[in-house]
Amino acid sequence: MPASGRPPTAAAPARSHRTAAPRAVAWVDGGARGNPGEAGCGVVLELGDGRCEEHTVYLGVATNNVAEYAALLAALERAVALGVRDLEVHADSELLVRQMLGQYRVKARHLQPLWLRAQQLTRSLGRFVITHVERAGNRAADRLANLAMDGRSSSLPRPQGLP
């Protein structure tokens, strides 16, 4: 027995464990009443720890495509702020999804800075996936986009880079 009077203890075996990167799933939608017209976007962010956030952003007058990008940017900015490293986004805008995947070029000059900002934000994540969903599968985000337009209200700041 050692001088301390306590029996010797075996060293704990070394453990190698990976801490899972914070994960989230986002559902995004933007809309405009008129094109351009009163616009807003909605974001549902389901966090890996079980929390769920719902956000609205009122955009004033904008096009539908700007509103769709605003929704993506709002989700990306919120995810980065929360330390999310693995983000899966679902959007009902085929144009947005295909442009983000590089399947369509971003021809509209006013969308190019928004696409660039989104690309920059995705690079700050460890993993980013975006998929197209049918409009019926994106009802919660659509409801929030309409709420933003109806109430002219926002629960998140206007995303950076919007015109």
C-alpha atoms as a PDB file:
ATOM      1  CA  MET A   1       0.000   0.000   0.000  1.00  0.00           C
ATOM      2  CA  PRO A   2       1.359   3.460  -0.832  1.00  0.00           C
ATOM      3  CA  ALA A   3       2.257   5.959   1.862  1.00  0.00           C
ATOM      4  CA  SER A   4      -1.064   7.706   1.367  1.00  0.00           C
ATOM      5  CA  GLY A   5      -2.800   4.766   2.927  1.00  0.00           C
ATOM      6  CA  ARG A   6      -5.103   4.331  -0.055  1.00  0.00           C
ATOM      7  CA  PRO A   7      -4.946   1.375  -2.385  1.00  0.00           C
ATOM      8  CA  PRO A   8      -3.457   2.108  -5.794  1.00  0.00           C
ATOM      9  CA  THR A   9      -5.938   2.890  -8.555  1.00  0.00           C
ATOM     10  CA  ALA A  10      -5.615   1.754 -12.101  1.00  0.00           C
ATOM     11  CA  ALA A  11      -5.334   4.479 -14.656  1.00  0.00           C
ATOM     12  CA  ALA A  12      -8.495   4.918 -16.639  1.00  0.00           C
ATOM     13  CA  PRO A  13      -8.054   3.626 -20.162  1.00  0.00           C
ATOM     14  CA  ALA A  14      -7.585   6.353 -22.722  1.00  0.00           C
ATOM     15  CA  ARG A  15     -10.758   6.970 -24.647  1.00  0.00           C
ATOM     16  CA  SER A  16     -11.106   8.406 -28.062  1.00  0.00           C
ATOM     17  CA  HIS A  17     -14.496   9.888 -28.735  1.00  0.00           C
ATOM     18  CA  ARG A  18     -15.806  12.204 -31.357  1.00  0.00           C
ATOM     19  CA  THR A  19     -18.123  14.915 -30.269  1.00  0.00           C
ATOM     20  CA  ALA A  20     -20.889  15.167 -32.803  1.00  0.00           C
ATOM     21  CA  ALA A  21     -20.909  18.496 -34.553  1.00  0.00           C
ATOM     22  CA  PRO A  22     -24.038  20.525 -33.792  1.00  0.00           C
ATOM     23  CA  ARG A  23     -26.593  19.608 -36.433  1.00  0.00           C
ATOM     24  CA  ALA A  24     -29.726  21.334 -37.728  1.00  0.00           C
ATOM     25  CA  VAL A  25     -32.367  21.040 -40.408  1.00  0.00           C
ATOM     26  CA  ALA A  26     -33.862  24.204 -41.901  1.00  0.00           C
ATOM     27  CA  TRP A  27     -37.045  24.690 -43.896  1.00  0.00           C
ATOM     28  CA  VAL A  28     -37.005  28.013 -45.763  1.00  0.00           C
ATOM     29  CA  ASP A  29     -39.460  29.942 -47.910  1.00  0.00           C
ATOM     30  CA  GLY A  30     -39.751  33.424 -49.298  1.00  0.00           C
ATOM     31  CA  GLY A  31     -42.614  35.136 -51.013  1.00  0.00           C
ATOM     32  CA  ALA A  32     -43.696  38.389 -52.590  1.00  0.00           C
ATOM     33  CA  ARG A  33     -47.194  39.682 -53.225  1.00  0.00           C
ATOM     34  CA  GLY A  34     -46.602  41.067 -56.663  1.00  0.00           C
ATOM     35  CA  ASN A  35     -43.254  40.694 -58.326  1.00  0.00           C
ATOM     36  CA  PRO A  36     -41.845  42.913 -57.002  1.00  0.00           C
ATOM     37  CA  GLY A  37     -44.181  43.507 -54.103  1.00  0.00           C
ATOM     38  CA  GLU A  38     -44.540  43.238 -50.341  1.00  0.00           C
ATOM     39  CA  ALA A  39     -42.163  40.439 -49.415  1.00  0.00           C
ATOM     40  CA  GLY A  40     -41.161  38.305 -46.482  1.00  0.00           C
ATOM     41  CA  CYS A  41     -39.553  35.033 -45.609  1.00  0.00           C
ATOM     42  CA  GLY A  42     -39.896  32.280 -43.077  1.00  0.00           C
ATOM     43  CA  VAL A  43     -37.417  29.882 -41.496  1.00  0.00           C
ATOM     44  CA  VAL A  44     -38.029  26.781 -39.403  1.00  0.00           C
ATOM     45  CA  LEU A  45     -34.807  25.628 -37.766  1.00  0.00           C
ATOM     46  CA  GLU A  46     -34.867  22.197 -36.130  1.00  0.00           C
ATOM     47  CA  LEU A  47     -31.792  21.896 -33.921  1.00  0.00           C
ATOM     48  CA  GLY A  48     -30.088  18.624 -33.127  1.00  0.00           C
ATOM     49  CA  ASP A  49     -30.788  18.994 -29.398  1.00  0.00           C
ATOM     50  CA  GLY A  50     -34.548  18.906 -30.011  1.00  0.00           C
ATOM     51  CA  ARG A  51     -35.208  22.652 -29.979  1.00  0.00           C
ATOM     52  CA  CYS A  52     -37.140  24.175 -32.853  1.00  0.00           C
ATOM     53  CA  GLU A  53     -37.018  27.851 -33.813  1.00  0.00           C
ATOM     54  CA  GLU A  54     -39.474  29.628 -36.104  1.00  0.00           C
ATOM     55  CA  HIS A  55     -38.485  32.968 -37.611  1.00  0.00           C
ATOM     56  CA  THR A  56     -39.969  35.641 -39.826  1.00  0.00           C
ATOM     57  CA  VAL A  57     -38.245  38.419 -41.747  1.00  0.00           C
ATOM     58  CA  TYR A  58     -40.199  41.253 -43.353  1.00  0.00           C
ATOM     59  CA  LEU A  59     -38.389  42.512 -46.459  1.00  0.00           C
ATOM     60  CA  GLY A  60     -40.483  45.442 -47.681  1.00  0.00           C
ATOM     61  CA  VAL A  61     -40.701  45.518 -51.462  1.00  0.00           C
ATOM     62  CA  ALA A  62     -38.686  42.774 -53.160  1.00  0.00           C
ATOM     63  CA  THR A  63     -38.976  40.121 -55.842  1.00  0.00           C
ATOM     64  CA  ASN A  64     -39.940  36.550 -55.071  1.00  0.00           C
ATOM     65  CA  ASN A  65     -36.422  35.316 -55.897  1.00  0.00           C
ATOM     66  CA  VAL A  66     -34.837  37.870 -53.538  1.00  0.00           C
ATOM     67  CA  ALA A  67     -37.255  36.699 -50.833  1.00  0.00           C
ATOM     68  CA  GLU A  68     -36.227  33.059 -51.421  1.00  0.00           C
ATOM     69  CA  TYR A  69     -32.542  33.987 -51.076  1.00  0.00           C
ATOM     70  CA  ALA A  70     -33.362  36.070 -47.980  1.00  0.00           C
ATOM     71  CA  ALA A  71     -34.887  32.984 -46.372  1.00  0.00           C
ATOM     72  CA  LEU A  72     -31.777  30.915 -47.116  1.00  0.00           C
ATOM     73  CA  LEU A  73     -29.469  33.667 -45.865  1.00  0.00           C
ATOM     74  CA  ALA A  74     -31.503  34.103 -42.672  1.00  0.00           C
ATOM     75  CA  ALA A  75     -31.280  30.356 -41.992  1.00  0.00           C
ATOM     76  CA  LEU A  76     -27.546  30.278 -42.712  1.00  0.00           C
ATOM     77  CA  GLU A  77     -26.801  33.331 -40.567  1.00  0.00           C
ATOM     78  CA  ARG A  78     -28.839  31.942 -37.659  1.00  0.00           C
ATOM     79  CA  ALA A  79     -27.227  28.505 -37.943  1.00  0.00           C
ATOM     80  CA  VAL A  80     -23.722  30.001 -37.961  1.00  0.00           C
ATOM     81  CA  ALA A  81     -24.592  32.190 -34.962  1.00  0.00           C
ATOM     82  CA  LEU A  82     -25.726  29.083 -33.071  1.00  0.00           C
ATOM     83  CA  GLY A  83     -22.527  27.194 -33.896  1.00  0.00           C
ATOM     84  CA  VAL A  84     -24.205  24.674 -36.191  1.00  0.00           C
ATOM     85  CA  ARG A  85     -21.643  22.725 -38.205  1.00  0.00           C
ATOM     86  CA  ASP A  86     -23.947  20.376 -40.146  1.00  0.00           C
ATOM     87  CA  LEU A  87     -26.918  21.996 -41.897  1.00  0.00           C
ATOM     88  CA  GLU A  88     -29.513  20.434 -44.145  1.00  0.00           C
ATOM     89  CA  VAL A  89     -31.800  22.937 -45.890  1.00  0.00           C
ATOM     90  CA  HIS A  90     -35.130  22.215 -47.578  1.00  0.00           C
ATOM     91  CA  ALA A  91     -36.563  24.827 -49.963  1.00  0.00           C
ATOM     92  CA  ASP A  92     -39.429  24.830 -52.447  1.00  0.00           C
ATOM     93  CA  SER A  93     -37.673  27.188 -54.866  1.00  0.00           C
ATOM     94  CA  GLU A  94     -36.194  25.027 -57.596  1.00  0.00           C
ATOM     95  CA  LEU A  95     -34.239  28.014 -58.912  1.00  0.00           C
ATOM     96  CA  LEU A  96     -32.620  28.673 -55.526  1.00  0.00           C
ATOM     97  CA  VAL A  97     -31.720  25.018 -54.958  1.00  0.00           C
ATOM     98  CA  ARG A  98     -30.319  24.473 -58.443  1.00  0.00           C
ATOM     99  CA  GLN A  99     -28.292  27.686 -58.299  1.00  0.00           C
ATOM    100  CA  MET A 100     -26.845  26.721 -54.911  1.00  0.00           C
ATOM    101  CA  LEU A 101     -25.933  23.281 -56.281  1.00  0.00           C
ATOM    102  CA  GLY A 102     -24.272  24.812 -59.349  1.00  0.00           C
ATOM    103  CA  GLN A 103     -26.789  23.237 -61.733  1.00  0.00           C
ATOM    104  CA  TYR A 104     -28.070  26.652 -62.873  1.00  0.00           C
ATOM    105  CA  ARG A 105     -26.026  29.775 -63.423  1.00  0.00           C
ATOM    106  CA  VAL A 106     -27.009  32.898 -61.522  1.00  0.00           C
ATOM    107  CA  LYS A 107     -27.829  35.120 -64.496  1.00  0.00           C
ATOM    108  CA  ALA A 108     -29.803  37.848 -62.709  1.00  0.00           C
ATOM    109  CA  ARG A 109     -27.283  40.453 -61.588  1.00  0.00           C
ATOM    110  CA  HIS A 110     -29.288  41.398 -58.488  1.00  0.00           C
ATOM    111  CA  LEU A 111     -29.158  37.766 -57.265  1.00  0.00           C
ATOM    112  CA  GLN A 112     -25.401  37.304 -57.760  1.00  0.00           C
ATOM    113  CA  PRO A 113     -24.356  39.011 -54.489  1.00  0.00           C
ATOM    114  CA  LEU A 114     -26.972  36.991 -52.592  1.00  0.00           C
ATOM    115  CA  TRP A 115     -25.699  33.735 -54.095  1.00  0.00           C
ATOM    116  CA  LEU A 116     -22.125  34.739 -53.255  1.00  0.00           C
ATOM    117  CA  ARG A 117     -23.047  35.557 -49.638  1.00  0.00           C
ATOM    118  CA  ALA A 118     -24.844  32.204 -49.317  1.00  0.00           C
ATOM    119  CA  GLN A 119     -21.814  30.371 -50.722  1.00  0.00           C
ATOM    120  CA  GLN A 120     -19.547  32.172 -48.234  1.00  0.00           C
ATOM    121  CA  LEU A 121     -21.782  31.218 -45.312  1.00  0.00           C
ATOM    122  CA  THR A 122     -21.946  27.573 -46.380  1.00  0.00           C
ATOM    123  CA  ARG A 123     -18.141  27.426 -46.345  1.00  0.00           C
ATOM    124  CA  SER A 124     -18.190  28.286 -42.646  1.00  0.00           C
ATOM    125  CA  LEU A 125     -20.146  25.075 -41.989  1.00  0.00           C
ATOM    126  CA  GLY A 126     -18.589  21.643 -41.841  1.00  0.00           C
ATOM    127  CA  ARG A 127     -21.365  20.151 -43.980  1.00  0.00           C
ATOM    128  CA  PHE A 128     -24.121  21.782 -46.020  1.00  0.00           C
ATOM    129  CA  VAL A 129     -26.852  20.054 -48.001  1.00  0.00           C
ATOM    130  CA  ILE A 130     -29.742  21.695 -49.815  1.00  0.00           C
ATOM    131  CA  THR A 131     -32.696  19.850 -51.306  1.00  0.00           C
ATOM    132  CA  HIS A 132     -35.792  20.820 -53.239  1.00  0.00           C
ATOM    133  CA  VAL A 133     -39.161  19.959 -51.691  1.00  0.00           C
ATOM    134  CA  GLU A 134     -42.642  20.398 -53.075  1.00  0.00           C
ATOM    135  CA  ARG A 135     -44.521  23.446 -51.835  1.00  0.00           C
ATOM    136  CA  ALA A 136     -46.938  21.244 -49.873  1.00  0.00           C
ATOM    137  CA  GLY A 137     -43.981  19.848 -47.944  1.00  0.00           C
ATOM    138  CA  ASN A 138     -42.848  23.306 -46.884  1.00  0.00           C
ATOM    139  CA  ARG A 139     -46.054  24.586 -45.278  1.00  0.00           C
ATOM    140  CA  ALA A 140     -44.538  25.739 -41.977  1.00  0.00           C
ATOM    141  CA  ALA A 141     -41.957  27.999 -43.642  1.00  0.00           C
ATOM    142  CA  ASP A 142     -44.617  29.269 -46.087  1.00  0.00           C
ATOM    143  CA  ARG A 143     -46.895  30.122 -43.148  1.00  0.00           C
ATOM    144  CA  LEU A 144     -44.063  32.105 -41.537  1.00  0.00           C
ATOM    145  CA  ALA A 145     -43.308  33.971 -44.783  1.00  0.00           C
ATOM    146  CA  ASN A 146     -46.968  34.999 -44.970  1.00  0.00           C
ATOM    147  CA  LEU A 147     -46.921  35.984 -41.306  1.00  0.00           C
ATOM    148  CA  ALA A 148     -43.921  38.241 -42.001  1.00  0.00           C
ATOM    149  CA  MET A 149     -45.783  39.933 -44.863  1.00  0.00           C
ATOM    150  CA  ASP A 150     -49.113  40.187 -43.028  1.00  0.00           C
ATOM    151  CA  GLY A 151     -47.627  41.595 -39.839  1.00  0.00           C
ATOM    152  CA  ARG A 152     -44.710  43.414 -41.438  1.00  0.00           C
ATOM    153  CA  SER A 153     -42.674  41.884 -38.646  1.00  0.00           C
ATOM    154  CA  SER A 154     -39.361  40.155 -38.152  1.00  0.00           C
ATOM    155  CA  SER A 155     -37.956  37.906 -35.468  1.00  0.00           C
ATOM    156  CA  LEU A 156     -34.491  37.928 -37.043  1.00  0.00           C
ATOM    157  CA  PRO A 157     -32.480  40.813 -38.452  1.00  0.00           C
ATOM    158  CA  ARG A 158     -32.567  41.435 -42.185  1.00  0.00           C
ATOM    159  CA  PRO A 159     -29.866  39.187 -43.704  1.00  0.00           C
ATOM    160  CA  GLN A 160     -26.652  40.891 -44.729  1.00  0.00           C
ATOM    161  CA  GLY A 161     -26.219  41.676 -48.399  1.00  0.00           C
ATOM    162  CA  LEU A 162     -29.866  42.161 -49.337  1.00  0.00           C
ATOM    163  CA  PRO A 163     -30.589  45.049 -51.691  1.00  0.00           C
END
